[in-house]
Amino acid sequence: MRLVLPPEAGLTVSGVFHKYTITKDATKNATVTITNKHIDGDSNIYKYSDNWDGIEGNTKVKYDPIIPTLGTLFGDGEIKVDGDGTLSDVVVHYQYRYDTCFNPLTDPECPEFEAAMLKYLLDNNLLDTEPTIDDPFYDQWVQFQLEQKAEAAEEEPTEETEEEEVEEELSIEDVLSITTTAEGLVDPEQQLAMLENLIGTNKLDAYSKMTIDGGSFEETITLEDGILHDNNRAFKNLITDKAHNKMVRSQYNLD
């Protein structure tokens, strides 16, 4: 098993699938092992073993997920049997995962997009000279910067909005305030003018009104002899009811 990792950039091994048939006697011992070397050395980066000691031969199918941090370190692989047994119909497949941010320039959402784009622009002298209009990465950088500025502008309140809010607060205070002089407090004409001004400006909402339909509740229970009889069955149930007994005893501090 060679060239486990394809030459395409951004691919990592995310899982190993294997299938094989071992032929052996139940009285014999054998072990099947699947290994992969480290891509930069002779040590094993992956190892999986099946112990067939005292077991009759059969077909085995297994999928083994791989930790993402190890997916880029897979080198040459091997499957072998140690002991008394033979392998046939051997299949070993590797599942791959593509890292969409392997090249951060492919997506502005990638964590390293800004640093990678700045390096690209500097390496190609696009910041010091007139940029090539047909350069797709430059267009992407410009669009990204425009979006960043637009988001910042939406978050910051404008001065005009703040001034309007201040003016509105002052106008409400003027309407609701009265003169603090004694003459203002006792002068009925000033008080009347203040109330008319308050009502005319519609600064206070009128209280909401609601009408609820009334009626009478008619009695529907009829007692034949005019007596409400006790429920003897309920009394019997209460005698054995633990919660009821506890409640009664608590009234007399019997617990």
Protein backbone atom coordinates (compact mmCIF):
# COMPACT_ATOMS: atom_id res chain seq x y z
CA MET A 1 0.00 0.00 0.00
CA ARG A 2 1.98 2.98 -1.29
CA LEU A 3 1.09 6.59 -2.01
CA VAL A 4 -1.55 6.57 0.70
CA LEU A 5 -1.87 10.36 0.51
CA PRO A 6 -2.63 11.55 -3.04
CA PRO A 7 -0.55 14.42 -4.45
CA GLU A 8 -3.56 16.78 -4.37
CA ALA A 9 -3.05 19.48 -1.74
CA GLY A 10 -5.36 19.74 1.23
CA LEU A 11 -6.22 16.03 1.59
CA THR A 12 -5.84 14.15 4.86
CA VAL A 13 -6.70 10.59 5.90
CA SER A 14 -9.90 10.56 7.99
CA GLY A 15 -10.52 6.80 8.21
CA VAL A 16 -9.26 3.32 7.25
CA PHE A 17 -11.59 0.62 5.91
CA HIS A 18 -10.37 -2.97 5.64
CA LYS A 19 -11.85 -6.30 4.65
CA TYR A 20 -10.11 -9.66 4.48
CA THR A 21 -10.67 -13.40 4.80
CA ILE A 22 -8.35 -15.51 6.93
CA THR A 23 -8.14 -19.25 6.47
CA LYS A 24 -6.94 -21.15 9.57
CA ASP A 25 -7.71 -23.98 11.95
CA ALA A 26 -9.38 -23.17 15.28
CA THR A 27 -6.55 -24.92 17.14
CA LYS A 28 -3.91 -22.66 15.58
CA ASN A 29 -2.83 -19.15 16.54
CA ALA A 30 -2.60 -16.16 14.20
CA THR A 31 -2.62 -12.36 14.28
CA VAL A 32 -3.54 -10.02 11.41
CA THR A 33 -1.94 -6.56 11.56
CA ILE A 34 -2.47 -3.44 9.44
CA THR A 35 0.20 -0.72 9.73
CA ASN A 36 1.18 2.58 8.13
CA LYS A 37 4.60 4.16 8.40
CA HIS A 38 5.13 7.78 9.37
CA ILE A 39 5.48 9.80 6.20
CA ASP A 40 8.87 11.13 7.34
CA GLY A 41 10.28 8.03 9.09
CA ASP A 42 10.22 4.30 9.72
CA SER A 43 8.05 4.33 12.86
CA ASN A 44 4.37 3.41 12.62
CA ILE A 45 1.82 6.23 12.61
CA TYR A 46 -1.05 3.71 12.48
CA LYS A 47 -1.43 0.13 13.71
CA TYR A 48 -4.49 -2.13 13.99
CA SER A 49 -4.40 -5.82 15.01
CA ASP A 50 -6.89 -8.71 15.12
CA ASN A 51 -6.09 -11.69 17.35
CA TRP A 52 -7.33 -14.99 15.85
CA ASP A 53 -5.82 -17.30 18.49
CA GLY A 54 -8.11 -20.29 19.05
CA ILE A 55 -10.67 -18.99 16.54
CA GLU A 56 -11.63 -20.59 13.24
CA GLY A 57 -10.95 -18.54 10.12
CA ASN A 58 -13.59 -16.14 8.84
CA THR A 59 -14.15 -12.83 6.99
CA LYS A 60 -13.56 -9.55 8.83
CA VAL A 61 -14.88 -6.07 7.92
CA LYS A 62 -13.90 -2.95 9.89
CA TYR A 63 -13.87 0.86 9.63
CA ASP A 64 -11.46 2.76 11.88
CA PRO A 65 -11.74 6.60 12.17
CA ILE A 66 -8.50 8.57 12.35
CA ILE A 67 -7.67 11.56 14.56
CA PRO A 68 -7.53 14.65 12.27
CA THR A 69 -4.07 15.69 13.50
CA LEU A 70 -2.62 12.35 12.28
CA GLY A 71 -4.31 12.43 8.88
CA THR A 72 -1.42 14.22 7.16
CA LEU A 73 1.27 11.82 8.44
CA PHE A 74 0.29 8.57 6.71
CA GLY A 75 3.06 6.89 4.74
CA ASP A 76 3.37 3.43 3.15
CA GLY A 77 1.08 0.74 4.56
CA GLU A 78 1.06 -3.03 4.98
CA ILE A 79 -1.31 -5.85 6.00
CA LYS A 80 0.15 -9.17 7.12
CA VAL A 81 -0.61 -12.30 9.13
CA ASP A 82 1.71 -13.65 11.84
CA GLY A 83 1.15 -17.32 12.75
CA ASP A 84 -0.66 -20.21 11.10
CA GLY A 85 -3.10 -18.68 8.65
CA THR A 86 -3.41 -17.28 5.13
CA LEU A 87 -5.12 -14.12 3.89
CA SER A 88 -7.33 -13.74 0.81
CA ASP A 89 -9.76 -11.19 -0.66
CA VAL A 90 -7.86 -8.39 1.06
CA VAL A 91 -9.24 -4.84 0.63
CA VAL A 92 -7.85 -1.74 2.36
CA HIS A 93 -9.36 1.66 1.55
CA TYR A 94 -8.51 5.09 2.94
CA GLN A 95 -11.14 7.77 3.41
CA TYR A 96 -9.98 11.32 2.77
CA ARG A 97 -11.05 14.71 4.08
CA TYR A 98 -10.40 17.94 2.18
CA ASP A 99 -9.36 21.00 4.19
CA THR A 100 -11.19 23.90 2.53
CA CYS A 101 -8.80 26.35 4.22
CA PHE A 102 -5.61 24.57 3.16
CA ASN A 103 -5.17 27.58 0.91
CA PRO A 104 -6.70 30.47 2.93
CA LEU A 105 -7.07 32.54 -0.25
CA THR A 106 -9.89 30.28 -1.45
CA ASP A 107 -12.39 31.58 1.12
CA PRO A 108 -12.55 34.92 3.01
CA GLU A 109 -14.04 33.00 5.96
CA CYS A 110 -10.77 31.11 6.54
CA PRO A 111 -8.93 32.19 9.73
CA GLU A 112 -5.69 33.08 7.93
CA PHE A 113 -7.32 34.81 4.95
CA GLU A 114 -6.18 38.36 5.71
CA ALA A 115 -2.54 37.41 6.37
CA ALA A 116 -2.39 35.18 3.28
CA MET A 117 -3.97 37.85 1.07
CA LEU A 118 -1.59 40.54 2.33
CA LYS A 119 1.39 38.26 1.64
CA TYR A 120 0.06 37.54 -1.85
CA LEU A 121 -0.35 41.24 -2.62
CA LEU A 122 3.13 42.05 -1.32
CA ASP A 123 4.77 39.16 -3.17
CA ASN A 124 3.17 40.28 -6.43
CA ASN A 125 3.83 44.01 -5.89
CA LEU A 126 0.12 44.76 -6.06
CA LEU A 127 0.21 47.29 -3.22
CA ASP A 128 3.03 49.45 -4.61
CA THR A 129 2.13 49.41 -8.29
CA GLU A 130 -1.03 49.65 -10.34
CA PRO A 131 -2.82 46.31 -9.81
CA THR A 132 -3.85 44.08 -12.67
CA ILE A 133 -7.60 44.45 -13.12
CA ASP A 134 -7.97 40.82 -14.16
CA ASP A 135 -6.30 39.53 -10.98
CA PRO A 136 -9.06 37.54 -9.15
CA PHE A 137 -7.32 37.61 -5.76
CA TYR A 138 -7.00 41.40 -5.85
CA ASP A 139 -10.69 41.76 -6.62
CA GLN A 140 -11.47 39.43 -3.75
CA TRP A 141 -9.34 41.51 -1.38
CA VAL A 142 -11.07 44.74 -2.42
CA GLN A 143 -14.50 43.20 -1.94
CA PHE A 144 -13.50 41.89 1.49
CA GLN A 145 -12.30 45.34 2.60
CA LEU A 146 -15.50 46.99 1.38
CA GLU A 147 -17.61 44.52 3.33
CA GLN A 148 -15.55 45.12 6.47
CA LYS A 149 -16.04 48.90 6.18
CA ALA A 150 -19.77 48.50 5.56
CA GLU A 151 -20.18 46.37 8.70
CA ALA A 152 -18.25 48.90 10.79
CA ALA A 153 -20.41 51.76 9.47
CA GLU A 154 -23.62 49.92 10.39
CA GLU A 155 -22.45 49.36 13.97
CA GLU A 156 -21.48 53.03 14.66
CA PRO A 157 -24.43 55.40 15.36
CA THR A 158 -24.48 58.62 13.34
CA GLU A 159 -24.21 62.06 14.96
CA GLU A 160 -27.55 63.07 13.45
CA THR A 161 -29.32 60.19 15.19
CA GLU A 162 -27.78 61.10 18.57
CA GLU A 163 -28.81 64.76 18.18
CA GLU A 164 -32.39 63.80 17.31
CA GLU A 165 -32.60 61.60 20.42
CA VAL A 166 -31.36 64.46 22.63
CA GLU A 167 -33.89 66.89 21.13
CA GLU A 168 -36.74 64.44 21.66
CA GLU A 169 -35.76 63.90 25.31
CA LEU A 170 -35.66 67.65 25.91
CA SER A 171 -39.06 68.21 24.33
CA ILE A 172 -40.66 65.57 26.56
CA GLU A 173 -39.04 67.09 29.63
CA ASP A 174 -40.35 70.53 28.66
CA VAL A 175 -43.91 69.25 28.27
CA LEU A 176 -43.95 67.28 31.51
CA SER A 177 -42.17 69.92 33.61
CA ILE A 178 -43.90 72.79 35.52
CA THR A 179 -42.49 75.97 36.94
CA THR A 180 -40.98 75.59 40.37
CA THR A 181 -42.12 79.04 41.52
CA ALA A 182 -44.95 79.39 43.99
CA GLU A 183 -46.88 81.49 41.46
CA GLY A 184 -46.72 78.66 38.95
CA LEU A 185 -47.99 76.14 41.44
CA VAL A 186 -51.01 78.18 42.48
CA ASP A 187 -51.84 79.99 39.24
CA PRO A 188 -54.85 78.11 37.76
CA GLU A 189 -54.37 79.67 34.33
CA GLN A 190 -50.80 78.40 34.05
CA GLN A 191 -51.86 74.95 35.21
CA LEU A 192 -54.70 74.86 32.67
CA ALA A 193 -52.33 75.94 29.89
CA MET A 194 -49.89 73.26 30.92
CA LEU A 195 -52.61 70.56 30.79
CA GLU A 196 -53.90 71.76 27.42
CA ASN A 197 -50.36 71.73 26.05
CA LEU A 198 -49.81 68.23 27.42
CA ILE A 199 -53.06 66.89 25.90
CA GLY A 200 -52.51 68.64 22.58
CA THR A 201 -49.03 67.23 22.01
CA ASN A 202 -50.20 63.63 22.54
CA LYS A 203 -47.17 62.90 24.66
CA LEU A 204 -49.08 60.48 26.90
CA ASP A 205 -51.09 57.61 25.55
CA ALA A 206 -54.66 57.28 26.76
CA TYR A 207 -55.42 54.40 29.08
CA SER A 208 -56.70 51.39 27.18
CA LYS A 209 -60.26 50.35 27.89
CA MET A 210 -61.74 46.88 27.77
CA THR A 211 -65.34 45.74 28.19
CA ILE A 212 -65.92 42.27 29.60
CA ASP A 213 -69.29 40.66 29.02
CA GLY A 214 -70.95 39.83 32.34
CA GLY A 215 -73.62 37.32 33.28
CA SER A 216 -74.72 34.95 35.98
CA PHE A 217 -73.51 31.48 36.87
CA GLU A 218 -76.44 29.07 37.15
CA GLU A 219 -76.31 26.23 39.68
CA THR A 220 -76.36 22.84 37.94
CA ILE A 221 -76.15 20.47 40.94
CA THR A 222 -79.47 19.27 42.39
CA LEU A 223 -79.68 17.52 45.76
CA GLU A 224 -82.63 15.16 45.89
CA ASP A 225 -83.09 15.20 49.70
CA GLY A 226 -81.25 18.45 50.33
CA ILE A 227 -78.35 16.65 52.02
CA LEU A 228 -74.79 16.30 50.66
CA HIS A 229 -73.74 12.79 51.73
CA ASP A 230 -70.16 11.83 52.66
CA ASN A 231 -68.10 9.75 50.26
CA ASN A 232 -67.42 6.62 52.30
CA ARG A 233 -65.21 5.14 49.63
CA ALA A 234 -62.96 8.20 49.74
CA PHE A 235 -62.72 7.91 53.54
CA LYS A 236 -61.53 4.31 53.20
CA ASN A 237 -58.88 5.35 50.72
CA LEU A 238 -57.68 8.19 52.96
CA ILE A 239 -57.20 5.75 55.87
CA THR A 240 -54.43 3.98 53.95
CA ASP A 241 -53.09 7.10 52.21
CA LYS A 242 -49.61 7.85 53.58
CA ALA A 243 -49.58 11.48 52.46
CA HIS A 244 -52.95 12.17 54.10
CA ASN A 245 -51.94 10.48 57.36
CA LYS A 246 -48.70 12.46 57.45
CA MET A 247 -50.57 15.72 56.90
CA VAL A 248 -53.06 14.93 59.73
CA ARG A 249 -50.32 13.90 62.15
CA SER A 250 -48.34 17.06 61.39
CA GLN A 251 -51.26 19.17 62.66
CA TYR A 252 -50.90 17.60 66.11
CA ASN A 253 -47.10 17.32 66.09
CA LEU A 254 -47.36 13.52 66.18
CA ASP A 255 -44.36 12.94 63.86
